[in-house]
Protein backbone atom coordinates (compact mmCIF):
# COMPACT_ATOMS: atom_id res chain seq x y z
CA UNK A 1 13.47 -7.85 -4.28
CA UNK A 2 9.90 -6.61 -3.94
CA UNK A 3 8.62 -10.08 -3.02
CA UNK A 4 11.26 -10.30 -0.27
CA UNK A 5 10.18 -6.89 1.02
CA UNK A 6 6.57 -8.04 1.26
CA UNK A 7 7.67 -11.12 3.21
CA UNK A 8 9.76 -9.05 5.64
CA UNK A 9 6.91 -6.65 6.35
CA UNK A 10 4.02 -9.08 6.02
CA UNK A 11 2.35 -7.09 3.25
CA UNK A 12 0.04 -8.70 0.71
CA UNK A 13 -0.26 -8.22 -3.03
CA UNK A 14 -4.04 -8.24 -2.61
CA UNK A 15 -5.57 -4.85 -1.77
CA UNK A 16 -8.05 -6.05 0.90
CA UNK A 17 -5.61 -8.46 2.53
CA UNK A 18 -2.99 -5.74 2.49
CA UNK A 19 -5.11 -3.45 4.68
CA UNK A 20 -5.62 -6.30 7.17
CA UNK A 21 -1.88 -7.08 7.20
CA UNK A 22 -1.10 -3.47 8.06
CA UNK A 23 -3.52 -3.68 11.00
CA UNK A 24 -1.75 -6.83 12.25
CA UNK A 25 1.61 -5.01 12.23
CA UNK A 26 0.54 -3.02 15.30
CA UNK A 27 1.32 -6.06 17.47
CA UNK A 28 5.00 -5.83 16.47
CA UNK A 29 5.51 -2.75 18.70
CA UNK A 30 6.77 -5.01 21.50
CA UNK A 31 9.78 -6.04 19.36
CA UNK A 32 11.16 -2.49 19.07
CA UNK A 33 14.38 -1.69 20.92
CA UNK A 34 14.13 0.84 23.75
CA UNK A 35 17.73 1.98 23.13
CA UNK A 36 20.14 1.63 20.23
CA UNK A 37 22.63 0.02 22.64
CA UNK A 38 20.25 -2.93 23.01
CA UNK A 39 20.70 -3.85 19.35
CA UNK A 40 23.65 -5.98 18.13
CA UNK A 41 26.21 -4.07 15.99
CA UNK A 42 26.43 -5.02 12.33
CA UNK A 43 29.21 -4.98 9.73
CA UNK A 44 29.00 -3.47 6.25
CA UNK A 45 29.21 -6.91 4.68
CA UNK A 46 26.21 -8.07 6.72
CA UNK A 47 23.91 -5.89 4.61
CA UNK A 48 25.67 -6.41 1.27
CA UNK A 49 23.32 -7.50 -1.51
CA UNK A 50 23.86 -8.32 -5.16
CA UNK A 51 20.87 -8.40 -7.51
CA UNK A 52 20.69 -9.20 -11.23
CA UNK A 53 18.24 -7.54 -13.61
CA UNK A 54 18.34 -10.11 -16.44
CA UNK A 55 17.57 -7.90 -19.46
CA UNK A 56 19.94 -9.96 -21.62
CA UNK A 57 19.17 -13.47 -20.43
CA UNK A 58 15.38 -12.97 -19.99
CA UNK A 59 14.14 -10.95 -22.98
CA UNK A 60 10.51 -11.13 -21.83
CA UNK A 61 11.11 -8.46 -19.13
CA UNK A 62 12.78 -6.06 -21.57
CA UNK A 63 9.55 -4.41 -22.70
CA UNK A 64 8.95 -2.84 -19.27
CA UNK A 65 12.40 -1.21 -19.34
CA UNK A 66 12.57 -0.16 -23.00
CA UNK A 67 12.30 3.47 -24.15
CA UNK A 68 11.72 4.87 -27.63
CA UNK A 69 15.47 5.42 -28.15
CA UNK A 70 16.13 1.69 -27.70
CA UNK A 71 17.83 2.15 -24.34
CA UNK A 72 16.71 1.55 -20.74
CA UNK A 73 14.13 3.82 -19.09
CA UNK A 74 16.01 5.55 -16.30
CA UNK A 75 12.76 6.06 -14.37
CA UNK A 76 12.52 2.26 -13.98
CA UNK A 77 16.08 2.21 -12.62
CA UNK A 78 15.07 4.80 -10.01
CA UNK A 79 12.22 2.51 -8.92
CA UNK A 80 14.59 -0.44 -8.62
CA UNK A 81 17.20 1.53 -6.64
CA UNK A 82 14.52 2.66 -4.20
CA UNK A 83 13.29 -0.91 -3.59
CA UNK A 84 16.82 -2.28 -3.27
CA UNK A 85 17.85 0.45 -0.81
CA UNK A 86 14.97 -0.45 1.50
CA UNK A 87 15.77 -4.18 1.33
CA UNK A 88 19.44 -3.49 2.14
CA UNK A 89 18.34 -1.63 5.28
CA UNK A 90 16.02 -4.47 6.30
CA UNK A 91 18.97 -6.85 5.85
CA UNK A 92 21.07 -4.64 8.16
CA UNK A 93 18.35 -4.58 10.86
CA UNK A 94 17.18 -8.19 10.55
CA UNK A 95 16.36 -10.02 13.79
CA UNK A 96 17.22 -13.68 13.24
CA UNK A 97 14.47 -14.99 15.49
CA UNK A 98 11.76 -12.87 13.85
CA UNK A 99 10.55 -13.57 10.30
CA UNK A 100 8.82 -10.18 10.17
CA UNK A 101 10.48 -6.88 10.94
CA UNK A 102 8.83 -4.46 13.40
CA UNK A 103 10.46 -1.55 11.53
CA UNK A 104 8.90 0.55 8.82
CA UNK A 105 11.85 1.59 6.67
CA UNK A 106 11.18 4.39 4.22
CA UNK A 107 13.26 6.57 1.89
CA UNK A 108 14.07 9.93 3.48
CA UNK A 109 16.14 11.38 0.66
CA UNK A 110 18.19 10.64 -2.42
CA UNK A 111 21.51 12.29 -1.67
CA UNK A 112 22.94 11.79 -5.16
CA UNK A 113 23.01 9.53 -8.19
CA UNK A 114 25.90 10.12 -10.58
CA UNK A 115 26.09 8.39 -13.96
CA UNK A 116 29.24 7.59 -15.91
CA UNK A 117 27.47 6.15 -19.00
CA UNK A 118 25.13 7.98 -21.39
CA UNK A 119 23.44 4.83 -22.68
CA UNK A 120 22.06 1.88 -20.69
CA UNK A 121 21.58 -1.02 -23.12
CA UNK A 122 18.23 -2.83 -23.08
CA UNK A 123 19.62 -6.25 -24.03
CA UNK A 124 22.48 -6.69 -21.51
CA UNK A 125 22.15 -7.94 -17.93
CA UNK A 126 22.42 -5.33 -15.16
CA UNK A 127 23.89 -5.96 -11.73
CA UNK A 128 23.02 -3.90 -8.67
CA UNK A 129 25.20 -4.09 -5.55
CA UNK A 130 24.92 -2.18 -2.29
CA UNK A 131 25.24 -2.08 1.48
CA UNK A 132 24.65 0.18 4.47
CA UNK A 133 27.58 2.63 4.60
CA UNK A 134 26.70 4.80 7.61
CA UNK A 135 24.24 4.64 10.50
CA UNK A 136 22.85 7.26 12.88
CA UNK A 137 20.37 6.55 15.68
CA UNK A 138 17.33 6.01 13.46
CA UNK A 139 18.70 6.61 9.94
CA UNK A 140 20.92 4.68 7.53
CA UNK A 141 22.91 5.73 4.50
CA UNK A 142 22.96 3.17 1.67
CA UNK A 143 25.51 3.14 -1.14
CA UNK A 144 24.50 1.30 -4.31
CA UNK A 145 26.27 0.66 -7.60
CA UNK A 146 24.87 -0.35 -10.95
CA UNK A 147 26.95 -2.22 -13.53
CA UNK A 148 26.12 -3.62 -16.97
CA UNK A 149 27.46 -6.73 -18.66
CA UNK A 150 29.57 -6.14 -21.79
CA UNK A 151 31.82 -8.75 -23.43
CA UNK A 152 31.75 -10.92 -20.32
CA UNK A 153 32.60 -8.10 -17.85
CA UNK A 154 30.46 -5.83 -15.72
CA UNK A 155 31.33 -2.15 -16.23
CA UNK A 156 30.11 0.70 -13.96
CA UNK A 157 27.04 2.71 -14.96
CA UNK A 158 26.13 4.70 -11.85
CA UNK A 159 26.72 5.21 -8.13
CA UNK A 160 23.86 6.10 -5.81
CA UNK A 161 23.62 7.28 -2.21
CA UNK A 162 20.24 7.09 -0.46
CA UNK A 163 19.27 7.86 3.15
CA UNK A 164 16.58 5.69 4.76
CA UNK A 165 14.84 6.18 8.09
CA UNK A 166 13.40 3.55 10.43
CA UNK A 167 10.04 4.07 12.07
CA UNK A 168 7.68 2.04 14.25
CA UNK A 169 5.36 -0.66 12.79
CA UNK A 170 2.65 1.94 12.06
CA UNK A 171 5.14 4.37 10.46
CA UNK A 172 4.35 7.06 13.05
CA UNK A 173 7.48 7.50 15.20
CA UNK A 174 11.26 7.05 14.75
CA UNK A 175 12.75 3.69 15.74
CA UNK A 176 16.32 2.70 16.62
CA UNK A 177 18.48 0.74 14.18
CA UNK A 178 21.53 -1.48 14.69
CA UNK A 179 24.84 0.42 14.97
CA UNK A 180 27.43 -0.08 12.22
CA UNK A 181 31.01 -1.14 12.99
CA UNK A 182 33.67 -0.53 10.29
CA UNK A 183 36.21 -3.37 10.05
CA UNK A 184 39.04 -1.90 7.95
CA UNK A 185 40.67 1.46 7.09
CA UNK A 186 38.67 1.47 3.83
CA UNK A 187 35.41 0.98 5.71
CA UNK A 188 36.44 3.69 8.20
CA UNK A 189 36.79 6.07 5.25
CA UNK A 190 33.38 5.09 3.88
CA UNK A 191 31.82 5.66 7.31
CA UNK A 192 33.55 9.05 7.64
CA UNK A 193 32.22 9.96 4.20
CA UNK A 194 28.72 9.22 5.51
CA UNK A 195 29.32 11.61 8.42
CA UNK A 196 30.65 14.20 5.97
CA UNK A 197 27.60 13.77 3.73
CA UNK A 198 25.32 14.45 6.68
CA UNK A 199 27.26 17.63 7.57
CA UNK A 200 27.28 18.75 3.93
CA UNK A 201 23.50 18.37 3.69
CA UNK A 202 23.07 20.36 6.90
CA UNK A 203 25.32 23.16 5.62
CA UNK A 204 23.57 23.20 2.23
CA UNK A 205 20.21 23.41 3.98
CA UNK A 206 21.42 26.17 6.34
CA UNK A 207 22.66 28.24 3.39
CA UNK A 208 19.40 27.66 1.48
CA UNK A 209 17.98 30.68 -0.31
CA UNK A 210 14.79 30.04 1.66
CA UNK A 211 16.72 30.89 4.84
CA UNK A 212 19.59 33.20 3.85
CA UNK A 213 20.02 36.00 1.32
CA UNK A 214 22.14 35.32 -1.78
CA UNK A 215 25.87 35.99 -1.53
CA UNK A 216 27.34 39.22 -2.88
CA UNK A 217 28.61 37.35 -5.95
CA UNK A 218 25.16 35.84 -6.57
CA UNK A 219 23.49 39.24 -6.21
CA UNK A 220 25.88 40.63 -8.83
CA UNK A 221 25.08 37.72 -11.18
CA UNK A 222 21.34 38.37 -10.93
CA UNK A 223 21.79 42.14 -11.24
CA UNK A 224 23.92 41.74 -14.37
CA UNK A 225 21.30 39.44 -15.91
CA UNK A 226 18.70 42.08 -15.14
CA UNK A 227 20.75 44.90 -16.70
CA UNK A 228 21.36 42.79 -19.81
CA UNK A 229 17.62 42.37 -20.31
CA UNK A 230 16.67 46.06 -20.02
CA UNK A 231 15.30 47.49 -23.24
CA UNK A 232 17.91 50.17 -24.03
CA UNK A 233 15.96 51.43 -27.04
CA UNK A 234 14.10 53.65 -24.60
CA UNK A 235 16.06 56.72 -23.64
CA UNK A 236 16.68 58.58 -20.42
CA UNK A 237 14.14 58.31 -17.64
CA UNK A 238 11.61 56.45 -19.76
CA UNK A 239 13.56 53.20 -19.20
CA UNK A 240 11.58 51.28 -16.57
CA UNK A 241 11.80 48.02 -14.69
CA UNK A 242 9.02 46.68 -16.89
CA UNK A 243 10.86 47.42 -20.16
CA UNK A 244 12.52 44.07 -20.71
CA UNK A 245 14.11 42.53 -23.77
CA UNK A 246 15.20 38.93 -24.21
CA UNK A 247 18.92 38.67 -25.13
CA UNK A 248 19.89 36.62 -28.23
CA UNK A 249 19.87 32.82 -27.93
CA UNK A 250 17.95 32.97 -24.65
CA UNK A 251 14.62 31.79 -23.24
CA UNK A 252 12.61 33.37 -20.42
CA UNK A 253 12.27 31.03 -17.44
CA UNK A 254 8.51 31.39 -17.55
CA UNK A 255 8.56 29.79 -21.04
CA UNK A 256 10.70 26.81 -19.94
CA UNK A 257 8.29 24.75 -17.88
CA UNK A 258 5.95 21.77 -18.23
CA UNK A 259 3.24 20.45 -15.93
CA UNK A 260 1.71 17.05 -15.33
CA UNK A 261 -0.96 15.31 -13.24
CA UNK A 262 -1.10 11.79 -11.81
CA UNK A 263 -4.03 10.09 -10.11
CA UNK A 264 -2.47 7.88 -7.43
CA UNK A 265 -4.09 4.46 -7.83
CA UNK A 266 -3.70 1.49 -5.42
CA UNK A 267 -1.51 -0.27 -7.98
CA UNK A 268 1.29 2.22 -7.20
CA UNK A 269 1.25 1.58 -3.43
CA UNK A 270 4.29 0.48 -1.46
CA UNK A 271 4.42 -2.15 1.27
CA UNK A 272 3.09 0.42 3.77
CA UNK A 273 -0.02 1.39 1.80
CA UNK A 274 1.33 4.71 0.61
CA UNK A 275 2.40 5.66 -2.91
CA UNK A 276 5.76 4.05 -3.74
CA UNK A 277 8.63 6.57 -3.62
CA UNK A 278 10.19 4.99 -6.70
CA UNK A 279 6.98 5.68 -8.66
CA UNK A 280 7.15 9.35 -7.63
CA UNK A 281 10.78 9.49 -8.75
CA UNK A 282 9.98 7.87 -12.08
CA UNK A 283 7.15 10.27 -12.82
CA UNK A 284 9.22 13.28 -11.76
CA UNK A 285 12.17 12.12 -13.87
CA UNK A 286 10.00 11.57 -16.94
CA UNK A 287 8.53 15.08 -16.64
CA UNK A 288 12.03 16.48 -16.03
CA UNK A 289 13.31 14.66 -19.12
CA UNK A 290 10.40 15.99 -21.21
CA UNK A 291 11.08 19.51 -19.92
CA UNK A 292 14.77 19.26 -20.90
CA UNK A 293 13.87 17.66 -24.25
CA UNK A 294 11.42 20.39 -25.24
CA UNK A 295 13.81 23.09 -24.06
CA UNK A 296 16.93 21.84 -25.87
CA UNK A 297 15.05 20.53 -28.93
CA UNK A 298 17.15 17.37 -28.83
CA UNK A 299 17.53 14.20 -26.78
CA UNK A 300 18.80 14.89 -23.25
CA UNK A 301 20.88 12.40 -21.25
CA UNK A 302 20.69 12.22 -17.47
CA UNK A 303 23.99 13.09 -15.79
CA UNK A 304 23.00 13.34 -12.14
CA UNK A 305 20.13 13.26 -9.67
CA UNK A 306 20.60 14.96 -6.32
CA UNK A 307 18.98 16.31 -3.19
CA UNK A 308 15.55 14.65 -3.42
CA UNK A 309 13.88 15.14 -0.07
CA UNK A 310 10.74 13.12 0.69
CA UNK A 311 8.93 15.75 2.74
CA UNK A 312 5.47 14.20 2.97
CA UNK A 313 4.05 10.77 2.10
CA UNK A 314 1.56 10.58 -0.76
CA UNK A 315 -1.70 8.84 0.07
CA UNK A 316 -3.53 6.51 -2.31
CA UNK A 317 -6.22 8.44 -4.17
CA UNK A 318 -4.27 11.71 -4.13
CA UNK A 319 -4.10 14.03 -7.10
CA UNK A 320 -0.38 14.49 -7.69
CA UNK A 321 0.60 17.72 -9.46
CA UNK A 322 4.07 17.88 -11.01
CA UNK A 323 5.74 21.00 -12.33
CA UNK A 324 9.04 20.89 -14.26
CA UNK A 325 11.14 24.05 -14.63
CA UNK A 326 14.45 24.64 -16.42
CA UNK A 327 16.22 26.79 -13.83
CA UNK A 328 19.81 26.95 -15.07
CA UNK A 329 21.74 26.19 -18.26
CA UNK A 330 25.41 26.15 -19.18
CA UNK A 331 26.77 24.99 -22.54
CA UNK A 332 24.89 21.77 -23.31
CA UNK A 333 23.84 21.20 -19.68
CA UNK A 334 20.28 21.73 -18.47
CA UNK A 335 19.41 21.89 -14.76
CA UNK A 336 15.75 20.96 -14.17
CA UNK A 337 13.78 21.30 -10.96
CA UNK A 338 10.56 19.30 -10.56
CA UNK A 339 8.15 20.33 -7.84
CA UNK A 340 5.66 17.71 -6.64
CA UNK A 341 2.56 18.48 -4.60
CA UNK A 342 -0.67 16.76 -3.64
CA UNK A 343 -4.03 18.42 -4.05
CA UNK A 344 -6.84 17.59 -1.65
CA UNK A 345 -10.08 18.00 -3.60
CA UNK A 346 -12.13 18.12 -0.38
CA UNK A 347 -10.20 20.94 1.34
CA UNK A 348 -8.74 22.45 -1.88
CA UNK A 349 -5.37 22.57 -0.16
CA UNK A 350 -1.97 21.98 -1.79
CA UNK A 351 0.95 20.35 0.05
CA UNK A 352 4.50 19.96 -1.28
CA UNK A 353 5.69 16.35 -1.14
CA UNK A 354 9.02 16.47 -3.01
CA UNK A 355 11.49 18.69 -4.81
CA UNK A 356 13.56 16.87 -7.45
CA UNK A 357 16.80 18.11 -9.02
CA UNK A 358 18.00 16.63 -12.32
CA UNK A 359 21.08 17.52 -14.38
CA UNK A 360 20.80 16.68 -18.08
CA UNK A 361 23.24 16.94 -20.98
CA UNK A 362 21.74 17.76 -24.36
CA UNK A 363 23.09 16.55 -27.70
CA UNK A 364 23.89 20.16 -28.62
CA UNK A 365 24.43 23.51 -26.95
CA UNK A 366 21.21 24.94 -25.52
CA UNK A 367 19.88 28.50 -25.21
CA UNK A 368 20.53 30.35 -21.98
CA UNK A 369 17.60 30.40 -19.56
CA UNK A 370 16.94 33.89 -18.15
CA UNK A 371 14.88 34.87 -15.08
CA UNK A 372 12.51 37.67 -16.09
CA UNK A 373 11.78 38.91 -12.60
CA UNK A 374 14.57 40.30 -10.49
CA UNK A 375 13.07 40.24 -6.99
CA UNK A 376 10.26 41.70 -4.94
CA UNK A 377 11.90 44.96 -3.91
CA UNK A 378 13.07 45.79 -7.43
CA UNK A 379 9.72 45.46 -9.17
CA UNK A 380 6.43 47.21 -8.68
CA UNK A 381 4.08 44.56 -7.27
CA UNK A 382 5.22 41.55 -9.31
CA UNK A 383 2.98 38.45 -9.22
CA UNK A 384 3.85 36.25 -6.24
CA UNK A 385 4.67 33.25 -8.42
CA UNK A 386 7.25 35.30 -10.37
CA UNK A 387 9.12 36.79 -7.43
CA UNK A 388 11.16 33.62 -6.99
CA UNK A 389 12.51 33.24 -10.55
CA UNK A 390 15.90 34.74 -9.72
CA UNK A 391 16.09 32.57 -6.60
CA UNK A 392 15.24 29.46 -8.64
CA UNK A 393 18.00 30.43 -11.07
CA UNK A 394 20.56 30.80 -8.27
CA UNK A 395 19.42 27.56 -6.62
CA UNK A 396 19.79 25.76 -9.95
CA UNK A 397 23.25 27.27 -10.39
CA UNK A 398 24.26 26.03 -6.93
CA UNK A 399 23.07 22.49 -7.65
CA UNK A 400 24.82 22.45 -11.02
CA UNK A 401 28.10 23.67 -9.47
CA UNK A 402 27.90 20.99 -6.76
CA UNK A 403 27.30 18.28 -9.37
CA UNK A 404 30.14 19.42 -11.61
CA UNK A 405 32.45 19.36 -8.59
CA UNK A 406 31.38 15.76 -7.88
CA UNK A 407 31.78 14.38 -11.39
């Protein structure tokens, strides 16, 4: 898949040649469509791809995918899904007369990945399938499925929905993509689901706690948590906002986080000379898994990935700072948020690149995570980094509820 992507774009595996190839892409501007109507419509089956990951039939590649629990590293699967999603979109937009595409197709967001299997076996072949399921003017939704071979049959492991965007050869401006024409009632439904997904994301973003206050029910939830953590051993007026006590079988949010750092080397670059989105997802997932593992004191299993927005590309040479936070728990479920930012050592500035949301299931019931800080107006000058704990908790609760509704 990755070799085909390099051929489509004209990228090289050699670092110096790669830079030159990117310069040569500028000449492809003339091949861009001025209007979407100028591009031939495509069918869903035109972009359909089927790819085998031969873990069973080619044991030599197993090592790369193996984890310490003798199952498949899910971070590697995220990398593969990202590469496949891009290739599916290039297949949809392919110009027969042109060996190289003038489009720069990049991952805009991971809408959701839902798993139906706890274990992915390291010695059985995996099959990925997928196609473009919805198209806007410059964006494409891709649906992918992963299946694993057991007793001669492929059984489902996960379903994934990614959104890709097309840009010009230099990856600077949006570019038009071929329209999609459904051919059957089933395909009409799939296309409508793509429209619905877009509306759902817009509504979720509009209702974000960064833009709107929590609902009355959410305010009550946070207030009740706060009241349950007041230290009632103090009597009368001596009880203060600072007198806090951790309830039984609970953990303060500030004690449920892990941090990591990555130096972004050229080896991790994508075909456009930026850091590969799949690499970012793998590193974020591994930190999220470690955060859930240390919190629950047992092996966590990934249940769902959702709402990963690629806000800013990561340049080669960047210092990538990752911060994992348990933000909501329920029973044996752990909701983890991983914040990714780049640090510019020259300007000493930090810029957010991604927010990742992972839902894990632990092998046993986990302690309840509790926000220690209630909110700016209820505390006397709380530290800025603590003011958002209750909002992180509510955001985690929202993501968990949405996932449970899906699965």
